[in-house]
Amino acid sequence: MKIHFADSLYQIADDFRRRYVAEVTRAYRQASKLLPFGSPHINFFVQPREYSLIPETQDNAHTHNSEFIELAFNPLVGDKGLQVILDGVRASVFHEMNHAARFNIPIFHPRFIDHCIMEGLGTVFERDCGGSNPPYGKYPKNVADWLHEVIEQQDAISWEAYSFDHPDGRRWIAYKVGTYLIDQAVKNSGKTVSELTQMENAAILKMAAIDI
């Protein structure tokens, strides 16, 4: 595993960089033990930036493939904001390493419902194994209606709107629907989220009692 800090014009304090690297390293080691089917060659690329960030936390993360995880944060948020970033990077590492491990099998997600499953796995893994409480994992009581809405639209669905900010004000629909699906699959099957991460999308949907 390697952590690469992007070269930039931002001034990153040595103490913050040291603590950030320590948090990523600690989370990587813990998550790796739960995801032994993942690649041992993970590269974390850390980019200080001010765009494409979650507004509440001023950070973000994305898994490009089984060995490339991007972490980003706003370095201009002040000491209080930087502490929020340090506190949250563990959850990001757990979430993204779940994606990377799934890609390493490899299992892919061509349909939007598959994308929901992938994000649900990452969210439940960071919540149940990483100890986080992500807002994008808190689904409403009528989440089953959201699921049927996703299924009905099929290929016509807007990935951007249903993944992040929907025009009607809803946020993170894919993540919340996916978290619901994984919670149902765990409940019905008795399997762990790590075990589900190794399973094909169709099998997870069957365990969640969803017929498409």
C-alpha atoms as a PDB file:
ATOM      1  CA  MET A   1       0.000   0.000   0.000  1.00  0.00           C
ATOM      2  CA  LYS A   2       1.191   3.502  -0.806  1.00  0.00           C
ATOM      3  CA  ILE A   3      -0.196   6.954  -0.056  1.00  0.00           C
ATOM      4  CA  HIS A   4       0.543   9.646  -2.627  1.00  0.00           C
ATOM      5  CA  PHE A   5      -0.083  13.314  -1.790  1.00  0.00           C
ATOM      6  CA  ALA A   6      -0.704  15.411  -4.892  1.00  0.00           C
ATOM      7  CA  ASP A   7       1.745  18.227  -5.505  1.00  0.00           C
ATOM      8  CA  SER A   8      -0.202  21.490  -5.237  1.00  0.00           C
ATOM      9  CA  LEU A   9      -0.010  25.179  -4.336  1.00  0.00           C
ATOM     10  CA  TYR A  10      -1.840  24.524  -1.054  1.00  0.00           C
ATOM     11  CA  GLN A  11       0.217  24.685   2.111  1.00  0.00           C
ATOM     12  CA  ILE A  12      -0.462  21.483   4.049  1.00  0.00           C
ATOM     13  CA  ALA A  13       0.904  21.538   7.599  1.00  0.00           C
ATOM     14  CA  ASP A  14       3.329  18.727   8.363  1.00  0.00           C
ATOM     15  CA  ASP A  15       1.361  17.759  11.476  1.00  0.00           C
ATOM     16  CA  PHE A  16      -1.893  17.446   9.551  1.00  0.00           C
ATOM     17  CA  ARG A  17      -0.215  15.423   6.799  1.00  0.00           C
ATOM     18  CA  ARG A  18       1.331  13.090   9.387  1.00  0.00           C
ATOM     19  CA  ARG A  19      -1.982  12.562  11.186  1.00  0.00           C
ATOM     20  CA  TYR A  20      -3.857  12.090   7.905  1.00  0.00           C
ATOM     21  CA  VAL A  21      -1.406   9.440   6.703  1.00  0.00           C
ATOM     22  CA  ALA A  22      -1.613   7.688  10.077  1.00  0.00           C
ATOM     23  CA  GLU A  23      -5.431   7.560   9.917  1.00  0.00           C
ATOM     24  CA  VAL A  24      -5.434   6.225   6.355  1.00  0.00           C
ATOM     25  CA  THR A  25      -2.805   3.619   7.215  1.00  0.00           C
ATOM     26  CA  ARG A  26      -4.644   2.454  10.327  1.00  0.00           C
ATOM     27  CA  ALA A  27      -7.967   2.195   8.473  1.00  0.00           C
ATOM     28  CA  TYR A  28      -6.331   0.380   5.565  1.00  0.00           C
ATOM     29  CA  ARG A  29      -4.830  -2.263   7.851  1.00  0.00           C
ATOM     30  CA  GLN A  30      -8.107  -2.842   9.671  1.00  0.00           C
ATOM     31  CA  ALA A  31     -10.251  -2.972   6.531  1.00  0.00           C
ATOM     32  CA  SER A  32      -7.768  -5.251   4.740  1.00  0.00           C
ATOM     33  CA  LYS A  33      -8.201  -7.923   7.411  1.00  0.00           C
ATOM     34  CA  LEU A  34     -11.930  -7.987   6.653  1.00  0.00           C
ATOM     35  CA  LEU A  35     -11.405  -7.951   2.880  1.00  0.00           C
ATOM     36  CA  PRO A  36      -8.688 -10.569   2.254  1.00  0.00           C
ATOM     37  CA  PHE A  37      -9.891 -10.957  -1.335  1.00  0.00           C
ATOM     38  CA  GLY A  38      -8.838  -7.396  -2.132  1.00  0.00           C
ATOM     39  CA  SER A  39      -5.589  -6.402  -3.826  1.00  0.00           C
ATOM     40  CA  PRO A  40      -2.526  -5.898  -1.575  1.00  0.00           C
ATOM     41  CA  HIS A  41      -1.369  -3.131  -3.924  1.00  0.00           C
ATOM     42  CA  ILE A  42      -3.725  -0.270  -3.039  1.00  0.00           C
ATOM     43  CA  ASN A  43      -2.606   3.211  -4.012  1.00  0.00           C
ATOM     44  CA  PHE A  44      -4.269   6.135  -2.241  1.00  0.00           C
ATOM     45  CA  PHE A  45      -4.009   9.379  -4.189  1.00  0.00           C
ATOM     46  CA  VAL A  46      -4.726  12.342  -1.909  1.00  0.00           C
ATOM     47  CA  GLN A  47      -5.764  15.588  -3.581  1.00  0.00           C
ATOM     48  CA  PRO A  48      -6.249  18.864  -1.692  1.00  0.00           C
ATOM     49  CA  ARG A  49      -8.949  20.777  -3.607  1.00  0.00           C
ATOM     50  CA  GLU A  50     -12.005  23.021  -3.259  1.00  0.00           C
ATOM     51  CA  TYR A  51     -14.434  21.376  -5.709  1.00  0.00           C
ATOM     52  CA  SER A  52     -16.455  18.136  -5.995  1.00  0.00           C
ATOM     53  CA  LEU A  53     -16.650  17.723  -2.231  1.00  0.00           C
ATOM     54  CA  ILE A  54     -19.474  16.774   0.134  1.00  0.00           C
ATOM     55  CA  PRO A  55     -20.692  20.155   1.470  1.00  0.00           C
ATOM     56  CA  GLU A  56     -21.166  18.991   5.069  1.00  0.00           C
ATOM     57  CA  THR A  57     -17.702  17.463   5.463  1.00  0.00           C
ATOM     58  CA  GLN A  58     -15.645  19.160   2.736  1.00  0.00           C
ATOM     59  CA  ASP A  59     -14.108  15.867   1.637  1.00  0.00           C
ATOM     60  CA  ASN A  60     -14.823  13.113  -0.856  1.00  0.00           C
ATOM     61  CA  ALA A  61     -13.513   9.786  -2.112  1.00  0.00           C
ATOM     62  CA  HIS A  62     -13.717   7.684  -5.251  1.00  0.00           C
ATOM     63  CA  THR A  63     -12.473   4.226  -6.264  1.00  0.00           C
ATOM     64  CA  HIS A  64     -11.184   4.136  -9.827  1.00  0.00           C
ATOM     65  CA  ASN A  65     -10.234   0.447  -9.887  1.00  0.00           C
ATOM     66  CA  SER A  66      -9.082  -2.392  -7.631  1.00  0.00           C
ATOM     67  CA  GLU A  67      -5.801  -0.649  -6.802  1.00  0.00           C
ATOM     68  CA  PHE A  68      -6.496   3.093  -7.135  1.00  0.00           C
ATOM     69  CA  ILE A  69      -8.464   5.035  -4.528  1.00  0.00           C
ATOM     70  CA  GLU A  70      -8.748   8.818  -4.644  1.00  0.00           C
ATOM     71  CA  LEU A  71      -9.198  10.820  -1.437  1.00  0.00           C
ATOM     72  CA  ALA A  72      -9.875  14.547  -1.515  1.00  0.00           C
ATOM     73  CA  PHE A  73     -10.328  17.312   1.045  1.00  0.00           C
ATOM     74  CA  ASN A  74     -10.551  21.084   1.281  1.00  0.00           C
ATOM     75  CA  PRO A  75      -7.363  22.355   2.966  1.00  0.00           C
ATOM     76  CA  LEU A  76      -8.855  25.817   3.564  1.00  0.00           C
ATOM     77  CA  VAL A  77     -11.533  24.910   6.111  1.00  0.00           C
ATOM     78  CA  GLY A  78      -9.583  25.916   9.221  1.00  0.00           C
ATOM     79  CA  ASP A  79      -8.502  23.840  12.197  1.00  0.00           C
ATOM     80  CA  LYS A  80     -12.027  22.756  13.170  1.00  0.00           C
ATOM     81  CA  GLY A  81     -12.841  21.678   9.629  1.00  0.00           C
ATOM     82  CA  LEU A  82      -9.557  19.838   9.252  1.00  0.00           C
ATOM     83  CA  GLN A  83     -10.334  17.856  12.403  1.00  0.00           C
ATOM     84  CA  VAL A  84     -13.669  16.835  10.843  1.00  0.00           C
ATOM     85  CA  ILE A  85     -11.727  15.644   7.801  1.00  0.00           C
ATOM     86  CA  LEU A  86      -9.305  13.659   9.973  1.00  0.00           C
ATOM     87  CA  ASP A  87     -12.205  12.112  11.886  1.00  0.00           C
ATOM     88  CA  GLY A  88     -13.970  11.114   8.667  1.00  0.00           C
ATOM     89  CA  VAL A  89     -11.176   9.685   6.537  1.00  0.00           C
ATOM     90  CA  ARG A  90     -11.402   6.282   8.272  1.00  0.00           C
ATOM     91  CA  ALA A  91     -14.969   5.858   7.008  1.00  0.00           C
ATOM     92  CA  SER A  92     -13.914   6.890   3.499  1.00  0.00           C
ATOM     93  CA  VAL A  93     -11.128   4.309   3.461  1.00  0.00           C
ATOM     94  CA  PHE A  94     -13.464   1.533   4.626  1.00  0.00           C
ATOM     95  CA  HIS A  95     -16.104   2.481   2.038  1.00  0.00           C
ATOM     96  CA  GLU A  96     -13.726   2.736  -0.895  1.00  0.00           C
ATOM     97  CA  MET A  97     -11.731  -0.363   0.004  1.00  0.00           C
ATOM     98  CA  ASN A  98     -14.963  -2.350  -0.133  1.00  0.00           C
ATOM     99  CA  HIS A  99     -15.412  -1.141  -3.723  1.00  0.00           C
ATOM    100  CA  ALA A 100     -11.789  -1.919  -4.588  1.00  0.00           C
ATOM    101  CA  ALA A 101     -12.058  -5.435  -3.164  1.00  0.00           C
ATOM    102  CA  ARG A 102     -15.223  -6.092  -5.149  1.00  0.00           C
ATOM    103  CA  PHE A 103     -13.540  -4.872  -8.342  1.00  0.00           C
ATOM    104  CA  ASN A 104     -10.607  -7.170  -7.607  1.00  0.00           C
ATOM    105  CA  ILE A 105     -12.798 -10.312  -7.780  1.00  0.00           C
ATOM    106  CA  PRO A 106     -13.890  -8.921 -10.340  1.00  0.00           C
ATOM    107  CA  ILE A 107     -17.563  -7.978 -10.064  1.00  0.00           C
ATOM    108  CA  PHE A 108     -18.883  -5.049 -12.077  1.00  0.00           C
ATOM    109  CA  HIS A 109     -22.026  -2.946 -11.982  1.00  0.00           C
ATOM    110  CA  PRO A 110     -23.393  -2.081 -15.442  1.00  0.00           C
ATOM    111  CA  ARG A 111     -26.993  -1.324 -14.377  1.00  0.00           C
ATOM    112  CA  PHE A 112     -28.060   1.419 -11.994  1.00  0.00           C
ATOM    113  CA  ILE A 113     -29.511  -1.142  -9.570  1.00  0.00           C
ATOM    114  CA  ASP A 114     -26.064  -2.787  -9.544  1.00  0.00           C
ATOM    115  CA  HIS A 115     -24.571   0.608  -8.756  1.00  0.00           C
ATOM    116  CA  CYS A 116     -27.006   0.865  -5.822  1.00  0.00           C
ATOM    117  CA  ILE A 117     -25.809  -2.518  -4.570  1.00  0.00           C
ATOM    118  CA  MET A 118     -22.175  -1.446  -4.804  1.00  0.00           C
ATOM    119  CA  GLU A 119     -22.786   1.765  -2.875  1.00  0.00           C
ATOM    120  CA  GLY A 120     -24.924  -0.106  -0.361  1.00  0.00           C
ATOM    121  CA  LEU A 121     -22.117  -2.568   0.288  1.00  0.00           C
ATOM    122  CA  GLY A 122     -19.614   0.244   0.773  1.00  0.00           C
ATOM    123  CA  THR A 123     -21.963   2.146   3.065  1.00  0.00           C
ATOM    124  CA  VAL A 124     -22.897  -0.841   5.237  1.00  0.00           C
ATOM    125  CA  PHE A 125     -19.241  -1.880   5.427  1.00  0.00           C
ATOM    126  CA  GLU A 126     -18.103   1.546   6.623  1.00  0.00           C
ATOM    127  CA  ARG A 127     -21.058   1.727   9.034  1.00  0.00           C
ATOM    128  CA  ASP A 128     -20.945  -1.751  10.564  1.00  0.00           C
ATOM    129  CA  CYS A 129     -17.218  -2.494  10.287  1.00  0.00           C
ATOM    130  CA  GLY A 130     -15.739   1.000  10.363  1.00  0.00           C
ATOM    131  CA  GLY A 131     -18.010   2.443  13.024  1.00  0.00           C
ATOM    132  CA  SER A 132     -19.319   5.368  10.990  1.00  0.00           C
ATOM    133  CA  ASN A 133     -22.813   6.875  10.837  1.00  0.00           C
ATOM    134  CA  PRO A 134     -23.076   8.197   7.281  1.00  0.00           C
ATOM    135  CA  PRO A 135     -26.056  10.389   6.342  1.00  0.00           C
ATOM    136  CA  TYR A 136     -26.218   8.677   2.952  1.00  0.00           C
ATOM    137  CA  GLY A 137     -26.915   5.390   4.750  1.00  0.00           C
ATOM    138  CA  LYS A 138     -30.023   6.622   6.573  1.00  0.00           C
ATOM    139  CA  TYR A 139     -32.960   5.628   4.409  1.00  0.00           C
ATOM    140  CA  PRO A 140     -36.558   6.782   4.979  1.00  0.00           C
ATOM    141  CA  LYS A 141     -39.492   4.557   5.898  1.00  0.00           C
ATOM    142  CA  ASN A 142     -40.731   4.685   2.306  1.00  0.00           C
ATOM    143  CA  VAL A 143     -37.387   3.587   0.844  1.00  0.00           C
ATOM    144  CA  ALA A 144     -39.132   0.638  -0.834  1.00  0.00           C
ATOM    145  CA  ASP A 145     -40.973   3.197  -2.975  1.00  0.00           C
ATOM    146  CA  TRP A 146     -37.617   4.655  -4.005  1.00  0.00           C
ATOM    147  CA  LEU A 147     -36.412   1.177  -4.903  1.00  0.00           C
ATOM    148  CA  HIS A 148     -39.426   0.537  -7.139  1.00  0.00           C
ATOM    149  CA  GLU A 149     -38.893   3.953  -8.732  1.00  0.00           C
ATOM    150  CA  VAL A 150     -35.315   2.984  -9.597  1.00  0.00           C
ATOM    151  CA  ILE A 151     -36.386  -0.401 -10.973  1.00  0.00           C
ATOM    152  CA  GLU A 152     -39.171   1.089 -13.114  1.00  0.00           C
ATOM    153  CA  GLN A 153     -36.881   3.630 -14.810  1.00  0.00           C
ATOM    154  CA  GLN A 154     -34.187   1.088 -15.692  1.00  0.00           C
ATOM    155  CA  ASP A 155     -31.779   2.458 -18.321  1.00  0.00           C
ATOM    156  CA  ALA A 156     -33.616   5.796 -18.581  1.00  0.00           C
ATOM    157  CA  ILE A 157     -32.587   6.821 -15.079  1.00  0.00           C
ATOM    158  CA  SER A 158     -30.312   9.792 -14.468  1.00  0.00           C
ATOM    159  CA  TRP A 159     -27.267   8.346 -12.699  1.00  0.00           C
ATOM    160  CA  GLU A 160     -26.127  11.775 -11.519  1.00  0.00           C
ATOM    161  CA  ALA A 161     -29.473  12.900 -10.076  1.00  0.00           C
ATOM    162  CA  TYR A 162     -30.239   9.582  -8.399  1.00  0.00           C
ATOM    163  CA  SER A 163     -26.729   9.183  -7.017  1.00  0.00           C
ATOM    164  CA  PHE A 164     -26.288  12.635  -5.526  1.00  0.00           C
ATOM    165  CA  ASP A 165     -28.726  15.557  -5.707  1.00  0.00           C
ATOM    166  CA  HIS A 166     -32.166  14.897  -7.210  1.00  0.00           C
ATOM    167  CA  PRO A 167     -34.116  17.916  -8.569  1.00  0.00           C
ATOM    168  CA  ASP A 168     -36.936  17.175  -6.100  1.00  0.00           C
ATOM    169  CA  GLY A 169     -34.606  17.712  -3.138  1.00  0.00           C
ATOM    170  CA  ARG A 170     -33.761  14.097  -2.295  1.00  0.00           C
ATOM    171  CA  ARG A 171     -30.097  13.233  -1.850  1.00  0.00           C
ATOM    172  CA  TRP A 172     -28.070  10.061  -2.231  1.00  0.00           C
ATOM    173  CA  ILE A 173     -30.965   7.914  -3.471  1.00  0.00           C
ATOM    174  CA  ALA A 174     -28.637   5.206  -4.834  1.00  0.00           C
ATOM    175  CA  TYR A 175     -26.767   4.993  -1.538  1.00  0.00           C
ATOM    176  CA  LYS A 176     -29.911   4.820   0.581  1.00  0.00           C
ATOM    177  CA  VAL A 177     -31.646   2.303  -1.677  1.00  0.00           C
ATOM    178  CA  GLY A 178     -28.453   0.251  -1.748  1.00  0.00           C
ATOM    179  CA  THR A 179     -28.068   0.350   2.024  1.00  0.00           C
ATOM    180  CA  TYR A 180     -31.644  -0.867   2.373  1.00  0.00           C
ATOM    181  CA  LEU A 181     -30.976  -3.709  -0.068  1.00  0.00           C
ATOM    182  CA  ILE A 182     -27.859  -4.840   1.792  1.00  0.00           C
ATOM    183  CA  ASP A 183     -29.571  -4.576   5.175  1.00  0.00           C
ATOM    184  CA  GLN A 184     -32.367  -6.796   3.832  1.00  0.00           C
ATOM    185  CA  ALA A 185     -29.908  -9.282   2.350  1.00  0.00           C
ATOM    186  CA  VAL A 186     -27.976  -9.503   5.635  1.00  0.00           C
ATOM    187  CA  LYS A 187     -31.201  -9.920   7.595  1.00  0.00           C
ATOM    188  CA  ASN A 188     -32.600 -12.626   5.302  1.00  0.00           C
ATOM    189  CA  SER A 189     -29.390 -14.593   4.728  1.00  0.00           C
ATOM    190  CA  GLY A 190     -27.431 -14.213   7.959  1.00  0.00           C
ATOM    191  CA  LYS A 191     -24.324 -13.438   5.902  1.00  0.00           C
ATOM    192  CA  THR A 192     -21.877 -10.672   6.759  1.00  0.00           C
ATOM    193  CA  VAL A 193     -21.328  -7.660   4.553  1.00  0.00           C
ATOM    194  CA  SER A 194     -17.850  -8.996   3.736  1.00  0.00           C
ATOM    195  CA  GLU A 195     -19.413 -12.237   2.502  1.00  0.00           C
ATOM    196  CA  LEU A 196     -21.976 -10.336   0.432  1.00  0.00           C
ATOM    197  CA  THR A 197     -19.203  -8.241  -1.094  1.00  0.00           C
ATOM    198  CA  GLN A 198     -17.923 -11.392  -2.808  1.00  0.00           C
ATOM    199  CA  MET A 199     -21.318 -12.259  -4.320  1.00  0.00           C
ATOM    200  CA  GLU A 200     -22.804 -11.361  -7.690  1.00  0.00           C
ATOM    201  CA  ASN A 201     -25.483  -8.684  -7.908  1.00  0.00           C
ATOM    202  CA  ALA A 202     -28.246 -11.133  -8.830  1.00  0.00           C
ATOM    203  CA  ALA A 203     -27.534 -13.274  -5.777  1.00  0.00           C
ATOM    204  CA  ILE A 204     -27.690 -10.240  -3.474  1.00  0.00           C
ATOM    205  CA  LEU A 205     -30.999  -9.141  -4.971  1.00  0.00           C
ATOM    206  CA  LYS A 206     -32.377 -12.645  -4.441  1.00  0.00           C
ATOM    207  CA  MET A 207     -31.300 -12.600  -0.798  1.00  0.00           C
ATOM    208  CA  ALA A 208     -32.935  -9.194  -0.391  1.00  0.00           C
ATOM    209  CA  ALA A 209     -36.129 -10.706  -1.838  1.00  0.00           C
ATOM    210  CA  ILE A 210     -36.156  -8.296  -4.768  1.00  0.00           C
ATOM    211  CA  ASP A 211     -37.448  -9.518  -8.120  1.00  0.00           C
ATOM    212  CA  ILE A 212     -36.468  -7.530 -11.211  1.00  0.00           C
END
